Amino acid sequence: MKIKVKLYTILKKYGKDMVDKDKNMSIPSNLTLKGLMSRLEIPKKMGKVLLVNGFPQDIEYELHEGDEVKILSFIGGG
């Protein structure tokens, strides 16, 4: 199944070979956001916000055909 994945800020470097130029990605059925993070090789310890179709979702959320996932990292400053 296909989903759209948009990575922001320092996360843009992950999953380059898995997400096409239109931000589409093929994934297996029953994949969770946790599984997606693993496939994209985004470190678990990295602070991030996960939005699916514009709404925050838990890491155990199961993805569906056509979902749009936005992954943003926390940016700190001083």
PDB file of N, CA and C in Angstrom:
ATOM      1  N   MET A   1       0.845  -1.171   0.000  1.00  0.00           N
ATOM      2  CA  MET A   1       0.000   0.000   0.000  1.00  0.00           C
ATOM      3  C   MET A   1       0.893   1.236   0.000  1.00  0.00           C
ATOM      4  N   LYS A   2       0.315   2.361  -0.401  1.00  0.00           N
ATOM      5  CA  LYS A   2       1.107   3.595  -0.507  1.00  0.00           C
ATOM      6  C   LYS A   2       0.623   4.633   0.500  1.00  0.00           C
ATOM      7  N   ILE A   3       1.611   5.336   1.058  1.00  0.00           N
ATOM      8  CA  ILE A   3       1.348   6.477   1.918  1.00  0.00           C
ATOM      9  C   ILE A   3       2.230   7.623   1.450  1.00  0.00           C
ATOM     10  N   LYS A   4       1.963   8.812   1.932  1.00  0.00           N
ATOM     11  CA  LYS A   4       2.799   9.976   1.635  1.00  0.00           C
ATOM     12  C   LYS A   4       3.574  10.289   2.908  1.00  0.00           C
ATOM     13  N   VAL A   5       4.888  10.481   2.783  1.00  0.00           N
ATOM     14  CA  VAL A   5       5.751  10.751   3.934  1.00  0.00           C
ATOM     15  C   VAL A   5       6.488  12.068   3.697  1.00  0.00           C
ATOM     16  N   LYS A   6       6.313  13.005   4.628  1.00  0.00           N
ATOM     17  CA  LYS A   6       7.006  14.293   4.546  1.00  0.00           C
ATOM     18  C   LYS A   6       7.900  14.435   5.773  1.00  0.00           C
ATOM     19  N   LEU A   7       9.186  14.557   5.522  1.00  0.00           N
ATOM     20  CA  LEU A   7      10.178  14.708   6.588  1.00  0.00           C
ATOM     21  C   LEU A   7      10.668  16.149   6.613  1.00  0.00           C
ATOM     22  N   TYR A   8      10.788  16.698   7.805  1.00  0.00           N
ATOM     23  CA  TYR A   8      11.170  18.105   7.945  1.00  0.00           C
ATOM     24  C   TYR A   8      12.472  18.252   8.722  1.00  0.00           C
ATOM     25  N   THR A   9      13.106  19.392   8.549  1.00  0.00           N
ATOM     26  CA  THR A   9      14.349  19.806   9.223  1.00  0.00           C
ATOM     27  C   THR A   9      15.414  18.713   9.097  1.00  0.00           C
ATOM     28  N   ILE A  10      16.039  18.356  10.217  1.00  0.00           N
ATOM     29  CA  ILE A  10      17.162  17.400  10.166  1.00  0.00           C
ATOM     30  C   ILE A  10      16.732  15.986   9.788  1.00  0.00           C
ATOM     31  N   LEU A  11      15.425  15.722   9.764  1.00  0.00           N
ATOM     32  CA  LEU A  11      14.930  14.387   9.421  1.00  0.00           C
ATOM     33  C   LEU A  11      14.927  14.123   7.917  1.00  0.00           C
ATOM     34  N   LYS A  12      15.127  15.154   7.111  1.00  0.00           N
ATOM     35  CA  LYS A  12      15.102  14.994   5.651  1.00  0.00           C
ATOM     36  C   LYS A  12      16.136  13.999   5.143  1.00  0.00           C
ATOM     37  N   LYS A  13      17.185  13.759   5.915  1.00  0.00           N
ATOM     38  CA  LYS A  13      18.248  12.857   5.462  1.00  0.00           C
ATOM     39  C   LYS A  13      17.881  11.375   5.599  1.00  0.00           C
ATOM     40  N   TYR A  14      16.791  11.061   6.286  1.00  0.00           N
ATOM     41  CA  TYR A  14      16.407   9.662   6.500  1.00  0.00           C
ATOM     42  C   TYR A  14      15.471   9.173   5.394  1.00  0.00           C
ATOM     43  N   GLY A  15      15.617   7.910   5.044  1.00  0.00           N
ATOM     44  CA  GLY A  15      14.712   7.274   4.103  1.00  0.00           C
ATOM     45  C   GLY A  15      14.756   7.780   2.678  1.00  0.00           C
ATOM     46  N   LYS A  16      15.872   8.376   2.268  1.00  0.00           N
ATOM     47  CA  LYS A  16      15.947   8.966   0.927  1.00  0.00           C
ATOM     48  C   LYS A  16      15.651   7.964  -0.188  1.00  0.00           C
ATOM     49  N   ASP A  17      16.096   6.743  -0.059  1.00  0.00           N
ATOM     50  CA  ASP A  17      15.894   5.743  -1.108  1.00  0.00           C
ATOM     51  C   ASP A  17      14.515   5.080  -1.030  1.00  0.00           C
ATOM     52  N   MET A  18      13.758   5.373   0.027  1.00  0.00           N
ATOM     53  CA  MET A  18      12.457   4.733   0.205  1.00  0.00           C
ATOM     54  C   MET A  18      11.286   5.636  -0.163  1.00  0.00           C
ATOM     55  N   VAL A  19      11.515   6.943  -0.177  1.00  0.00           N
ATOM     56  CA  VAL A  19      10.465   7.915  -0.477  1.00  0.00           C
ATOM     57  C   VAL A  19      10.770   8.528  -1.841  1.00  0.00           C
ATOM     58  N   ASP A  20       9.791   8.473  -2.760  1.00  0.00           N
ATOM     59  CA  ASP A  20      10.055   9.001  -4.100  1.00  0.00           C
ATOM     60  C   ASP A  20       9.952  10.534  -4.130  1.00  0.00           C
ATOM     61  N   LYS A  21      10.193  11.129  -5.278  1.00  0.00           N
ATOM     62  CA  LYS A  21      10.228  12.594  -5.401  1.00  0.00           C
ATOM     63  C   LYS A  21       8.875  13.234  -5.086  1.00  0.00           C
ATOM     64  N   ASP A  22       7.791  12.466  -5.187  1.00  0.00           N
ATOM     65  CA  ASP A  22       6.457  12.971  -4.864  1.00  0.00           C
ATOM     66  C   ASP A  22       6.070  12.677  -3.416  1.00  0.00           C
ATOM     67  N   LYS A  23       7.050  12.199  -2.639  1.00  0.00           N
ATOM     68  CA  LYS A  23       6.879  11.901  -1.209  1.00  0.00           C
ATOM     69  C   LYS A  23       6.068  10.630  -0.947  1.00  0.00           C
ATOM     70  N   ASN A  24       5.886   9.779  -1.962  1.00  0.00           N
ATOM     71  CA  ASN A  24       5.162   8.527  -1.793  1.00  0.00           C
ATOM     72  C   ASN A  24       6.105   7.425  -1.339  1.00  0.00           C
ATOM     73  N   MET A  25       5.552   6.512  -0.558  1.00  0.00           N
ATOM     74  CA  MET A  25       6.328   5.378  -0.052  1.00  0.00           C
ATOM     75  C   MET A  25       5.431   4.152  -0.029  1.00  0.00           C
ATOM     76  N   SER A  26       5.945   3.025  -0.495  1.00  0.00           N
ATOM     77  CA  SER A  26       5.223   1.759  -0.418  1.00  0.00           C
ATOM     78  C   SER A  26       5.559   1.091   0.904  1.00  0.00           C
ATOM     79  N   ILE A  27       4.514   0.641   1.602  1.00  0.00           N
ATOM     80  CA  ILE A  27       4.706  -0.030   2.892  1.00  0.00           C
ATOM     81  C   ILE A  27       3.833  -1.276   2.941  1.00  0.00           C
ATOM     82  N   PRO A  28       4.182  -2.227   3.813  1.00  0.00           N
ATOM     83  CA  PRO A  28       3.320  -3.400   3.979  1.00  0.00           C
ATOM     84  C   PRO A  28       2.071  -3.046   4.790  1.00  0.00           C
ATOM     85  N   SER A  29       1.031  -3.830   4.645  1.00  0.00           N
ATOM     86  CA  SER A  29      -0.177  -3.645   5.447  1.00  0.00           C
ATOM     87  C   SER A  29       0.157  -3.819   6.922  1.00  0.00           C
ATOM     88  N   ASN A  30      -0.639  -3.215   7.768  1.00  0.00           N
ATOM     89  CA  ASN A  30      -0.520  -3.318   9.223  1.00  0.00           C
ATOM     90  C   ASN A  30       0.731  -2.667   9.803  1.00  0.00           C
ATOM     91  N   LEU A  31       1.401  -1.805   9.058  1.00  0.00           N
ATOM     92  CA  LEU A  31       2.582  -1.124   9.580  1.00  0.00           C
ATOM     93  C   LEU A  31       2.147   0.010  10.500  1.00  0.00           C
ATOM     94  N   THR A  32       2.798   0.132  11.646  1.00  0.00           N
ATOM     95  CA  THR A  32       2.517   1.201  12.594  1.00  0.00           C
ATOM     96  C   THR A  32       3.502   2.349  12.364  1.00  0.00           C
ATOM     97  N   LEU A  33       3.248   3.471  13.018  1.00  0.00           N
ATOM     98  CA  LEU A  33       4.205   4.578  12.954  1.00  0.00           C
ATOM     99  C   LEU A  33       5.555   4.144  13.515  1.00  0.00           C
ATOM    100  N   LYS A  34       5.533   3.323  14.546  1.00  0.00           N
ATOM    101  CA  LYS A  34       6.783   2.794  15.119  1.00  0.00           C
ATOM    102  C   LYS A  34       7.555   2.008  14.056  1.00  0.00           C
ATOM    103  N   GLY A  35       6.850   1.165  13.308  1.00  0.00           N
ATOM    104  CA  GLY A  35       7.474   0.394  12.242  1.00  0.00           C
ATOM    105  C   GLY A  35       8.002   1.290  11.131  1.00  0.00           C
ATOM    106  N   LEU A  36       7.259   2.360  10.832  1.00  0.00           N
ATOM    107  CA  LEU A  36       7.698   3.306   9.809  1.00  0.00           C
ATOM    108  C   LEU A  36       8.988   3.990  10.241  1.00  0.00           C
ATOM    109  N   MET A  37       9.066   4.397  11.506  1.00  0.00           N
ATOM    110  CA  MET A  37      10.286   5.034  12.023  1.00  0.00           C
ATOM    111  C   MET A  37      11.480   4.086  11.886  1.00  0.00           C
ATOM    112  N   SER A  38      11.242   2.820  12.141  1.00  0.00           N
ATOM    113  CA  SER A  38      12.293   1.810  12.022  1.00  0.00           C
ATOM    114  C   SER A  38      12.728   1.653  10.563  1.00  0.00           C
ATOM    115  N   ARG A  39      11.757   1.576   9.645  1.00  0.00           N
ATOM    116  CA  ARG A  39      12.072   1.431   8.212  1.00  0.00           C
ATOM    117  C   ARG A  39      12.861   2.623   7.697  1.00  0.00           C
ATOM    118  N   LEU A  40      12.538   3.821   8.187  1.00  0.00           N
ATOM    119  CA  LEU A  40      13.231   5.029   7.765  1.00  0.00           C
ATOM    120  C   LEU A  40      14.566   5.224   8.492  1.00  0.00           C
ATOM    121  N   GLU A  41      14.823   4.371   9.476  1.00  0.00           N
ATOM    122  CA  GLU A  41      16.048   4.402  10.290  1.00  0.00           C
ATOM    123  C   GLU A  41      16.205   5.717  11.052  1.00  0.00           C
ATOM    124  N   ILE A  42      15.071   6.242  11.542  1.00  0.00           N
ATOM    125  CA  ILE A  42      15.088   7.436  12.385  1.00  0.00           C
ATOM    126  C   ILE A  42      15.349   6.974  13.813  1.00  0.00           C
ATOM    127  N   PRO A  43      16.397   7.487  14.459  1.00  0.00           N
ATOM    128  CA  PRO A  43      16.744   7.041  15.819  1.00  0.00           C
ATOM    129  C   PRO A  43      15.587   7.227  16.806  1.00  0.00           C
ATOM    130  N   LYS A  44      15.389   6.220  17.660  1.00  0.00           N
ATOM    131  CA  LYS A  44      14.323   6.266  18.663  1.00  0.00           C
ATOM    132  C   LYS A  44      14.504   7.425  19.629  1.00  0.00           C
ATOM    133  N   LYS A  45      15.756   7.730  19.962  1.00  0.00           N
ATOM    134  CA  LYS A  45      16.025   8.764  20.968  1.00  0.00           C
ATOM    135  C   LYS A  45      15.793  10.187  20.452  1.00  0.00           C
ATOM    136  N   MET A  46      15.631  10.333  19.141  1.00  0.00           N
ATOM    137  CA  MET A  46      15.431  11.656  18.561  1.00  0.00           C
ATOM    138  C   MET A  46      14.005  12.126  18.854  1.00  0.00           C
ATOM    139  N   GLY A  47      13.863  13.329  19.411  1.00  0.00           N
ATOM    140  CA  GLY A  47      12.546  13.878  19.678  1.00  0.00           C
ATOM    141  C   GLY A  47      11.836  14.219  18.385  1.00  0.00           C
ATOM    142  N   LYS A  48      10.590  13.787  18.269  1.00  0.00           N
ATOM    143  CA  LYS A  48       9.853  14.031  17.030  1.00  0.00           C
ATOM    144  C   LYS A  48       8.354  14.123  17.291  1.00  0.00           C
ATOM    145  N   VAL A  49       7.685  14.781  16.375  1.00  0.00           N
ATOM    146  CA  VAL A  49       6.228  14.875  16.385  1.00  0.00           C
ATOM    147  C   VAL A  49       5.734  14.130  15.157  1.00  0.00           C
ATOM    148  N   LEU A  50       4.725  13.280  15.345  1.00  0.00           N
ATOM    149  CA  LEU A  50       4.180  12.491  14.248  1.00  0.00           C
ATOM    150  C   LEU A  50       2.739  12.928  13.986  1.00  0.00           C
ATOM    151  N   LEU A  51       2.498  13.406  12.778  1.00  0.00           N
ATOM    152  CA  LEU A  51       1.151  13.811  12.380  1.00  0.00           C
ATOM    153  C   LEU A  51       0.686  12.902  11.249  1.00  0.00           C
ATOM    154  N   VAL A  52      -0.539  12.399  11.371  1.00  0.00           N
ATOM    155  CA  VAL A  52      -1.133  11.598  10.300  1.00  0.00           C
ATOM    156  C   VAL A  52      -2.401  12.321   9.866  1.00  0.00           C
ATOM    157  N   ASN A  53      -2.435  12.693   8.598  1.00  0.00           N
ATOM    158  CA  ASN A  53      -3.561  13.439   8.045  1.00  0.00           C
ATOM    159  C   ASN A  53      -3.843  14.710   8.855  1.00  0.00           C
ATOM    160  N   GLY A  54      -2.753  15.329   9.356  1.00  0.00           N
ATOM    161  CA  GLY A  54      -2.859  16.594  10.055  1.00  0.00           C
ATOM    162  C   GLY A  54      -3.101  16.503  11.554  1.00  0.00           C
ATOM    163  N   PHE A  55      -3.212  15.289  12.113  1.00  0.00           N
ATOM    164  CA  PHE A  55      -3.494  15.118  13.536  1.00  0.00           C
ATOM    165  C   PHE A  55      -2.388  14.324  14.220  1.00  0.00           C
ATOM    166  N   PRO A  56      -2.019  14.709  15.447  1.00  0.00           N
ATOM    167  CA  PRO A  56      -1.006  13.951  16.187  1.00  0.00           C
ATOM    168  C   PRO A  56      -1.497  12.526  16.441  1.00  0.00           C
ATOM    169  N   GLN A  57      -0.589  11.567  16.307  1.00  0.00           N
ATOM    170  CA  GLN A  57      -0.943  10.168  16.538  1.00  0.00           C
ATOM    171  C   GLN A  57       0.108   9.498  17.413  1.00  0.00           C
ATOM    172  N   ASP A  58      -0.329   8.472  18.133  1.00  0.00           N
ATOM    173  CA  ASP A  58       0.540   7.660  18.956  1.00  0.00           C
ATOM    174  C   ASP A  58       1.438   6.796  18.068  1.00  0.00           C
ATOM    175  N   ILE A  59       2.587   6.431  18.582  1.00  0.00           N
ATOM    176  CA  ILE A  59       3.571   5.627  17.847  1.00  0.00           C
ATOM    177  C   ILE A  59       2.994   4.263  17.415  1.00  0.00           C
ATOM    178  N   GLU A  60       1.941   3.795  18.089  1.00  0.00           N
ATOM    179  CA  GLU A  60       1.332   2.499  17.753  1.00  0.00           C
ATOM    180  C   GLU A  60       0.203   2.622  16.723  1.00  0.00           C
ATOM    181  N   TYR A  61      -0.034   3.820  16.210  1.00  0.00           N
ATOM    182  CA  TYR A  61      -1.075   4.026  15.205  1.00  0.00           C
ATOM    183  C   TYR A  61      -0.786   3.170  13.977  1.00  0.00           C
ATOM    184  N   GLU A  62      -1.783   2.450  13.496  1.00  0.00           N
ATOM    185  CA  GLU A  62      -1.627   1.611  12.302  1.00  0.00           C
ATOM    186  C   GLU A  62      -1.960   2.433  11.054  1.00  0.00           C
ATOM    187  N   LEU A  63      -1.031   2.466  10.131  1.00  0.00           N
ATOM    188  CA  LEU A  63      -1.176   3.258   8.914  1.00  0.00           C
ATOM    189  C   LEU A  63      -2.147   2.615   7.924  1.00  0.00           C
ATOM    190  N   HIS A  64      -2.789   3.475   7.116  1.00  0.00           N
ATOM    191  CA  HIS A  64      -3.760   3.032   6.117  1.00  0.00           C
ATOM    192  C   HIS A  64      -3.408   3.608   4.752  1.00  0.00           C
ATOM    193  N   GLU A  65      -3.889   2.955   3.714  1.00  0.00           N
ATOM    194  CA  GLU A  65      -3.687   3.408   2.339  1.00  0.00           C
ATOM    195  C   GLU A  65      -4.042   4.890   2.216  1.00  0.00           C
ATOM    196  N   GLY A  66      -3.129   5.668   1.634  1.00  0.00           N
ATOM    197  CA  GLY A  66      -3.384   7.074   1.381  1.00  0.00           C
ATOM    198  C   GLY A  66      -3.095   8.021   2.530  1.00  0.00           C
ATOM    199  N   ASP A  67      -2.701   7.491   3.693  1.00  0.00           N
ATOM    200  CA  ASP A  67      -2.361   8.374   4.819  1.00  0.00           C
ATOM    201  C   ASP A  67      -1.217   9.298   4.431  1.00  0.00           C
ATOM    202  N   GLU A  68      -1.248  10.511   4.991  1.00  0.00           N
ATOM    203  CA  GLU A  68      -0.146  11.449   4.829  1.00  0.00           C
ATOM    204  C   GLU A  68       0.520  11.614   6.198  1.00  0.00           C
ATOM    205  N   VAL A  69       1.776  11.216   6.270  1.00  0.00           N
ATOM    206  CA  VAL A  69       2.520  11.270   7.522  1.00  0.00           C
ATOM    207  C   VAL A  69       3.524  12.403   7.445  1.00  0.00           C
ATOM    208  N   LYS A  70       3.477  13.292   8.435  1.00  0.00           N
ATOM    209  CA  LYS A  70       4.462  14.357   8.566  1.00  0.00           C
ATOM    210  C   LYS A  70       5.268  14.080   9.826  1.00  0.00           C
ATOM    211  N   ILE A  71       6.579  14.107   9.679  1.00  0.00           N
ATOM    212  CA  ILE A  71       7.462  13.841  10.812  1.00  0.00           C
ATOM    213  C   ILE A  71       8.338  15.065  11.018  1.00  0.00           C
ATOM    214  N   LEU A  72       8.214  15.668  12.177  1.00  0.00           N
ATOM    215  CA  LEU A  72       8.953  16.882  12.514  1.00  0.00           C
ATOM    216  C   LEU A  72       9.813  16.598  13.735  1.00  0.00           C
ATOM    217  N   SER A  73      10.996  17.173  13.759  1.00  0.00           N
ATOM    218  CA  SER A  73      11.863  17.013  14.933  1.00  0.00           C
ATOM    219  C   SER A  73      11.717  18.230  15.838  1.00  0.00           C
ATOM    220  N   PHE A  74      11.989  18.009  17.124  1.00  0.00           N
ATOM    221  CA  PHE A  74      12.025  19.120  18.061  1.00  0.00           C
ATOM    222  C   PHE A  74      13.300  19.891  17.791  1.00  0.00           C
ATOM    223  N   ILE A  75      13.203  21.184  17.756  1.00  0.00           N
ATOM    224  CA  ILE A  75      14.388  22.018  17.553  1.00  0.00           C
ATOM    225  C   ILE A  75      14.561  22.864  18.788  1.00  0.00           C
ATOM    226  N   GLY A  76      15.741  22.765  19.385  1.00  0.00           N
ATOM    227  CA  GLY A  76      16.029  23.544  20.585  1.00  0.00           C
ATOM    228  C   GLY A  76      16.940  24.717  20.277  1.00  0.00           C
ATOM    229  N   GLY A  77      16.866  25.672  21.106  1.00  0.00           N
ATOM    230  CA  GLY A  77      17.741  26.834  20.933  1.00  0.00           C
ATOM    231  C   GLY A  77      18.065  27.445  22.278  1.00  0.00           C
ATOM    232  N   GLY A  78      18.944  28.398  22.279  1.00  0.00           N
ATOM    233  CA  GLY A  78      19.285  28.931  23.582  1.00  0.00           C
ATOM    234  C   GLY A  78      19.577  30.372  23.581  1.00  0.00           C
TER     235      GLY A  78
END
